[in-house]
Amino acid sequence: MPEPGTTPEATPDTEAPGAPAPAAGTGAAAPSHAPAPPAPLGVPRTPTGHPGVDARLERLGDADHLAADGHTEVYEDVHRGLRDELTALDARPAPTPAHDNRS
């Protein structure tokens, strides 16, 4: 029980809202409000066996080192590239030249 005229010490569970953080060196770290630096998500990219698709999927790794507001550009680029790869699969193959078998 505190002595008359004093207040009990605040603990992390009982600190009043807006109370200042503990002073440096008191053992409690002040919370950081700075955003965390970009870090890889660690999501594996399994090769598909199609070089064009695999190259586009590898491009996703570029987003690992960007802040969140830079991800959109990478994702849109990858989406465009994958759409182009799919479109190329639907394209009719070029006609093959006729072989002249005359000897």
N, C-alpha and C. Protein backbone atom coordinates (compact mmCIF):
# COMPACT_ATOMS: atom_id res chain seq x y z
N MET A 1 0.84 -1.16 0.00
CA MET A 1 0.00 0.00 0.00
C MET A 1 0.90 1.23 0.00
N PRO A 2 0.58 2.24 -0.84
CA PRO A 2 1.43 3.43 -0.90
C PRO A 2 1.24 4.29 0.34
N GLU A 3 2.29 5.04 0.61
CA GLU A 3 2.21 5.95 1.75
C GLU A 3 1.26 7.10 1.40
N PRO A 4 0.66 7.72 2.39
CA PRO A 4 -0.25 8.84 2.12
C PRO A 4 0.48 9.95 1.35
N GLY A 5 -0.20 10.47 0.30
CA GLY A 5 0.36 11.55 -0.49
C GLY A 5 1.21 11.07 -1.66
N THR A 6 1.36 9.76 -1.85
CA THR A 6 2.12 9.22 -2.98
C THR A 6 1.19 8.39 -3.84
N THR A 7 1.62 8.12 -5.08
CA THR A 7 0.83 7.27 -5.98
C THR A 7 1.60 5.99 -6.23
N PRO A 8 0.90 4.90 -6.47
CA PRO A 8 1.60 3.64 -6.75
C PRO A 8 2.34 3.73 -8.09
N GLU A 9 3.42 2.96 -8.18
CA GLU A 9 4.18 2.93 -9.44
C GLU A 9 3.33 2.28 -10.52
N ALA A 10 3.41 2.83 -11.72
CA ALA A 10 2.68 2.25 -12.84
C ALA A 10 3.43 1.05 -13.37
N THR A 11 2.71 0.03 -13.73
CA THR A 11 3.30 -1.15 -14.38
C THR A 11 2.76 -1.19 -15.79
N PRO A 12 3.38 -1.96 -16.70
CA PRO A 12 2.87 -2.01 -18.07
C PRO A 12 1.39 -2.35 -18.16
N ASP A 13 0.88 -3.13 -17.20
CA ASP A 13 -0.53 -3.51 -17.25
C ASP A 13 -1.44 -2.41 -16.70
N THR A 14 -0.90 -1.48 -15.90
CA THR A 14 -1.75 -0.50 -15.26
C THR A 14 -1.43 0.93 -15.65
N GLU A 15 -0.54 1.13 -16.64
CA GLU A 15 -0.19 2.48 -17.05
C GLU A 15 -1.42 3.20 -17.57
N ALA A 16 -1.49 4.45 -17.24
CA ALA A 16 -2.60 5.26 -17.73
C ALA A 16 -2.38 5.54 -19.21
N PRO A 17 -3.48 5.62 -19.98
CA PRO A 17 -3.32 5.94 -21.40
C PRO A 17 -2.63 7.29 -21.56
N GLY A 18 -1.70 7.34 -22.48
CA GLY A 18 -0.98 8.57 -22.74
C GLY A 18 0.16 8.82 -21.78
N ALA A 19 0.41 7.90 -20.85
CA ALA A 19 1.51 8.06 -19.91
C ALA A 19 2.82 7.96 -20.65
N PRO A 20 3.83 8.71 -20.24
CA PRO A 20 5.12 8.64 -20.92
C PRO A 20 5.76 7.27 -20.74
N ALA A 21 6.57 6.89 -21.72
CA ALA A 21 7.27 5.61 -21.66
C ALA A 21 8.34 5.68 -20.58
N PRO A 22 8.71 4.53 -20.00
CA PRO A 22 9.76 4.52 -18.98
C PRO A 22 11.05 5.10 -19.54
N ALA A 23 11.83 5.71 -18.69
CA ALA A 23 13.10 6.32 -19.11
C ALA A 23 14.07 5.24 -19.55
N ALA A 24 14.99 5.62 -20.43
CA ALA A 24 16.00 4.68 -20.93
C ALA A 24 16.81 4.16 -19.75
N GLY A 25 17.16 2.89 -19.85
CA GLY A 25 17.98 2.28 -18.82
C GLY A 25 17.19 1.71 -17.68
N THR A 26 15.85 1.80 -17.72
CA THR A 26 15.05 1.25 -16.62
C THR A 26 14.65 -0.19 -16.87
N GLY A 27 15.08 -0.75 -18.02
CA GLY A 27 14.77 -2.15 -18.29
C GLY A 27 13.59 -2.35 -19.21
N ALA A 28 12.73 -1.36 -19.36
CA ALA A 28 11.58 -1.48 -20.25
C ALA A 28 11.86 -0.68 -21.51
N ALA A 29 11.66 -1.30 -22.66
CA ALA A 29 11.92 -0.64 -23.94
C ALA A 29 10.68 0.13 -24.37
N ALA A 30 10.91 1.33 -24.88
CA ALA A 30 9.80 2.13 -25.40
C ALA A 30 9.36 1.53 -26.73
N PRO A 31 8.06 1.49 -27.01
CA PRO A 31 7.61 0.92 -28.28
C PRO A 31 8.07 1.79 -29.44
N SER A 32 8.43 1.14 -30.52
CA SER A 32 8.85 1.86 -31.71
C SER A 32 7.65 2.04 -32.63
N HIS A 33 7.49 3.25 -33.12
CA HIS A 33 6.39 3.52 -34.04
C HIS A 33 6.88 3.60 -35.48
N ALA A 34 8.15 3.32 -35.68
CA ALA A 34 8.72 3.33 -37.03
C ALA A 34 8.31 2.05 -37.74
N PRO A 35 8.02 2.14 -39.03
CA PRO A 35 7.65 0.91 -39.76
C PRO A 35 8.84 -0.04 -39.85
N ALA A 36 8.54 -1.30 -39.86
CA ALA A 36 9.58 -2.31 -40.00
C ALA A 36 10.16 -2.23 -41.41
N PRO A 37 11.44 -2.52 -41.55
CA PRO A 37 12.03 -2.49 -42.89
C PRO A 37 11.47 -3.64 -43.73
N PRO A 38 11.51 -3.51 -45.06
CA PRO A 38 11.04 -4.59 -45.93
C PRO A 38 11.81 -5.87 -45.64
N ALA A 39 11.12 -6.98 -45.69
CA ALA A 39 11.76 -8.28 -45.45
C ALA A 39 11.08 -9.32 -46.32
N PRO A 40 11.84 -10.29 -46.82
CA PRO A 40 11.25 -11.36 -47.63
C PRO A 40 10.18 -12.11 -46.84
N LEU A 41 9.11 -12.49 -47.54
CA LEU A 41 8.04 -13.23 -46.89
C LEU A 41 8.39 -14.71 -46.73
N GLY A 42 9.34 -15.18 -47.51
CA GLY A 42 9.73 -16.58 -47.41
C GLY A 42 8.77 -17.51 -48.11
N VAL A 43 8.00 -17.00 -49.06
CA VAL A 43 7.07 -17.84 -49.80
C VAL A 43 7.84 -18.50 -50.94
N PRO A 44 7.87 -19.83 -50.96
CA PRO A 44 8.63 -20.51 -52.02
C PRO A 44 7.94 -20.35 -53.37
N ARG A 45 8.74 -20.21 -54.41
CA ARG A 45 8.23 -20.15 -55.77
C ARG A 45 8.69 -21.41 -56.47
N THR A 46 7.78 -22.32 -56.71
CA THR A 46 8.08 -23.60 -57.33
C THR A 46 8.14 -23.44 -58.85
N PRO A 47 9.25 -23.85 -59.47
CA PRO A 47 9.34 -23.74 -60.93
C PRO A 47 8.23 -24.54 -61.63
N THR A 48 7.73 -23.96 -62.72
CA THR A 48 6.66 -24.60 -63.47
C THR A 48 7.18 -25.44 -64.63
N GLY A 49 8.43 -25.17 -65.03
CA GLY A 49 8.98 -25.85 -66.20
C GLY A 49 8.80 -25.04 -67.47
N HIS A 50 8.04 -23.97 -67.41
CA HIS A 50 7.86 -23.07 -68.55
C HIS A 50 8.73 -21.85 -68.29
N PRO A 51 9.80 -21.66 -69.08
CA PRO A 51 10.76 -20.59 -68.78
C PRO A 51 10.14 -19.20 -68.68
N GLY A 52 9.19 -18.86 -69.53
CA GLY A 52 8.58 -17.53 -69.48
C GLY A 52 7.80 -17.31 -68.20
N VAL A 53 7.06 -18.33 -67.77
CA VAL A 53 6.27 -18.23 -66.53
C VAL A 53 7.21 -18.19 -65.33
N ASP A 54 8.23 -19.05 -65.35
CA ASP A 54 9.17 -19.07 -64.22
C ASP A 54 9.88 -17.74 -64.05
N ALA A 55 10.23 -17.09 -65.16
CA ALA A 55 10.89 -15.79 -65.07
C ALA A 55 9.95 -14.76 -64.44
N ARG A 56 8.68 -14.82 -64.80
CA ARG A 56 7.70 -13.87 -64.23
C ARG A 56 7.51 -14.12 -62.73
N LEU A 57 7.45 -15.39 -62.35
CA LEU A 57 7.27 -15.72 -60.94
C LEU A 57 8.49 -15.30 -60.12
N GLU A 58 9.66 -15.43 -60.68
CA GLU A 58 10.87 -14.99 -59.98
C GLU A 58 10.84 -13.47 -59.76
N ARG A 59 10.22 -12.75 -60.67
CA ARG A 59 10.11 -11.29 -60.55
C ARG A 59 9.37 -10.91 -59.27
N LEU A 60 8.50 -11.79 -58.78
CA LEU A 60 7.79 -11.51 -57.53
C LEU A 60 8.77 -11.28 -56.38
N GLY A 61 9.94 -11.90 -56.45
CA GLY A 61 10.95 -11.72 -55.41
C GLY A 61 11.42 -10.28 -55.29
N ASP A 62 11.26 -9.49 -56.34
CA ASP A 62 11.65 -8.08 -56.29
C ASP A 62 10.83 -7.31 -55.26
N ALA A 63 9.61 -7.76 -55.00
CA ALA A 63 8.75 -7.08 -54.03
C ALA A 63 9.24 -7.29 -52.60
N ASP A 64 10.04 -8.34 -52.38
CA ASP A 64 10.53 -8.63 -51.03
C ASP A 64 11.37 -7.50 -50.45
N HIS A 65 11.98 -6.70 -51.29
CA HIS A 65 12.90 -5.67 -50.81
C HIS A 65 12.32 -4.26 -50.96
N LEU A 66 11.03 -4.19 -51.25
CA LEU A 66 10.37 -2.90 -51.42
C LEU A 66 9.39 -2.66 -50.28
N ALA A 67 9.14 -1.40 -49.99
CA ALA A 67 8.08 -1.06 -49.05
C ALA A 67 6.75 -1.45 -49.69
N ALA A 68 5.72 -1.57 -48.89
CA ALA A 68 4.42 -2.05 -49.38
C ALA A 68 3.90 -1.21 -50.55
N ASP A 69 4.16 0.10 -50.56
CA ASP A 69 3.63 0.92 -51.65
C ASP A 69 4.35 0.65 -52.97
N GLY A 70 5.44 -0.09 -52.96
CA GLY A 70 6.13 -0.46 -54.19
C GLY A 70 5.70 -1.81 -54.74
N HIS A 71 4.94 -2.56 -53.97
CA HIS A 71 4.52 -3.91 -54.40
C HIS A 71 3.60 -3.86 -55.61
N THR A 72 2.73 -2.88 -55.67
CA THR A 72 1.73 -2.81 -56.74
C THR A 72 2.38 -2.83 -58.11
N GLU A 73 3.44 -2.06 -58.29
CA GLU A 73 4.11 -2.01 -59.59
C GLU A 73 4.65 -3.39 -59.98
N VAL A 74 5.25 -4.10 -59.03
CA VAL A 74 5.79 -5.43 -59.31
C VAL A 74 4.65 -6.39 -59.64
N TYR A 75 3.60 -6.38 -58.84
CA TYR A 75 2.48 -7.30 -59.06
C TYR A 75 1.82 -7.05 -60.42
N GLU A 76 1.65 -5.78 -60.77
CA GLU A 76 1.04 -5.47 -62.07
C GLU A 76 1.93 -5.92 -63.22
N ASP A 77 3.24 -5.75 -63.07
CA ASP A 77 4.17 -6.19 -64.10
C ASP A 77 4.12 -7.71 -64.27
N VAL A 78 4.10 -8.43 -63.16
CA VAL A 78 4.04 -9.89 -63.21
C VAL A 78 2.71 -10.32 -63.82
N HIS A 79 1.62 -9.69 -63.44
CA HIS A 79 0.31 -10.04 -63.97
C HIS A 79 0.27 -9.84 -65.49
N ARG A 80 0.80 -8.70 -65.94
CA ARG A 80 0.87 -8.43 -67.39
C ARG A 80 1.68 -9.50 -68.11
N GLY A 81 2.82 -9.84 -67.53
CA GLY A 81 3.69 -10.85 -68.15
C GLY A 81 3.04 -12.22 -68.21
N LEU A 82 2.37 -12.61 -67.13
CA LEU A 82 1.69 -13.92 -67.13
C LEU A 82 0.54 -13.92 -68.12
N ARG A 83 -0.17 -12.81 -68.22
CA ARG A 83 -1.26 -12.71 -69.20
C ARG A 83 -0.69 -12.83 -70.62
N ASP A 84 0.46 -12.21 -70.88
CA ASP A 84 1.10 -12.32 -72.19
C ASP A 84 1.52 -13.75 -72.49
N GLU A 85 2.02 -14.45 -71.47
CA GLU A 85 2.42 -15.85 -71.65
C GLU A 85 1.20 -16.71 -72.00
N LEU A 86 0.09 -16.48 -71.32
CA LEU A 86 -1.13 -17.24 -71.62
C LEU A 86 -1.66 -16.91 -73.01
N THR A 87 -1.60 -15.66 -73.38
CA THR A 87 -2.06 -15.25 -74.71
C THR A 87 -1.21 -15.91 -75.79
N ALA A 88 0.09 -16.00 -75.54
CA ALA A 88 0.98 -16.63 -76.51
C ALA A 88 0.64 -18.12 -76.70
N LEU A 89 0.15 -18.76 -75.66
CA LEU A 89 -0.23 -20.17 -75.78
C LEU A 89 -1.45 -20.34 -76.70
N ASP A 90 -2.32 -19.33 -76.72
CA ASP A 90 -3.53 -19.39 -77.55
C ASP A 90 -3.28 -18.96 -78.99
N ALA A 91 -2.15 -18.34 -79.25
CA ALA A 91 -1.86 -17.85 -80.60
C ALA A 91 -1.66 -19.04 -81.55
N ARG A 92 -2.10 -18.85 -82.77
CA ARG A 92 -1.91 -19.91 -83.77
C ARG A 92 -0.43 -19.97 -84.14
N PRO A 93 0.08 -21.17 -84.27
CA PRO A 93 1.49 -21.27 -84.66
C PRO A 93 1.67 -20.77 -86.10
N ALA A 94 2.84 -20.23 -86.36
CA ALA A 94 3.14 -19.75 -87.70
C ALA A 94 3.16 -20.95 -88.65
N PRO A 95 2.70 -20.75 -89.88
CA PRO A 95 2.73 -21.88 -90.83
C PRO A 95 4.17 -22.31 -91.09
N THR A 96 4.34 -23.59 -91.18
CA THR A 96 5.68 -24.11 -91.46
C THR A 96 5.90 -24.11 -92.96
N PRO A 97 7.11 -23.77 -93.39
CA PRO A 97 7.38 -23.76 -94.83
C PRO A 97 7.30 -25.17 -95.41
N ALA A 98 6.82 -25.24 -96.60
CA ALA A 98 6.76 -26.55 -97.27
C ALA A 98 8.18 -26.99 -97.62
N HIS A 99 8.41 -28.26 -97.46
CA HIS A 99 9.74 -28.79 -97.77
C HIS A 99 9.79 -29.18 -99.25
N ASP A 100 10.85 -28.83 -99.84
CA ASP A 100 11.06 -29.21 -101.24
C ASP A 100 11.94 -30.46 -101.22
N ASN A 101 11.35 -31.59 -101.52
CA ASN A 101 12.07 -32.86 -101.46
C ASN A 101 12.65 -33.26 -102.80
N ARG A 102 12.76 -32.32 -103.73
CA ARG A 102 13.33 -32.68 -105.02
C ARG A 102 14.82 -32.91 -104.88
N SER A 103 15.30 -33.85 -105.60
CA SER A 103 16.74 -34.11 -105.56
C SER A 103 17.34 -33.84 -106.89
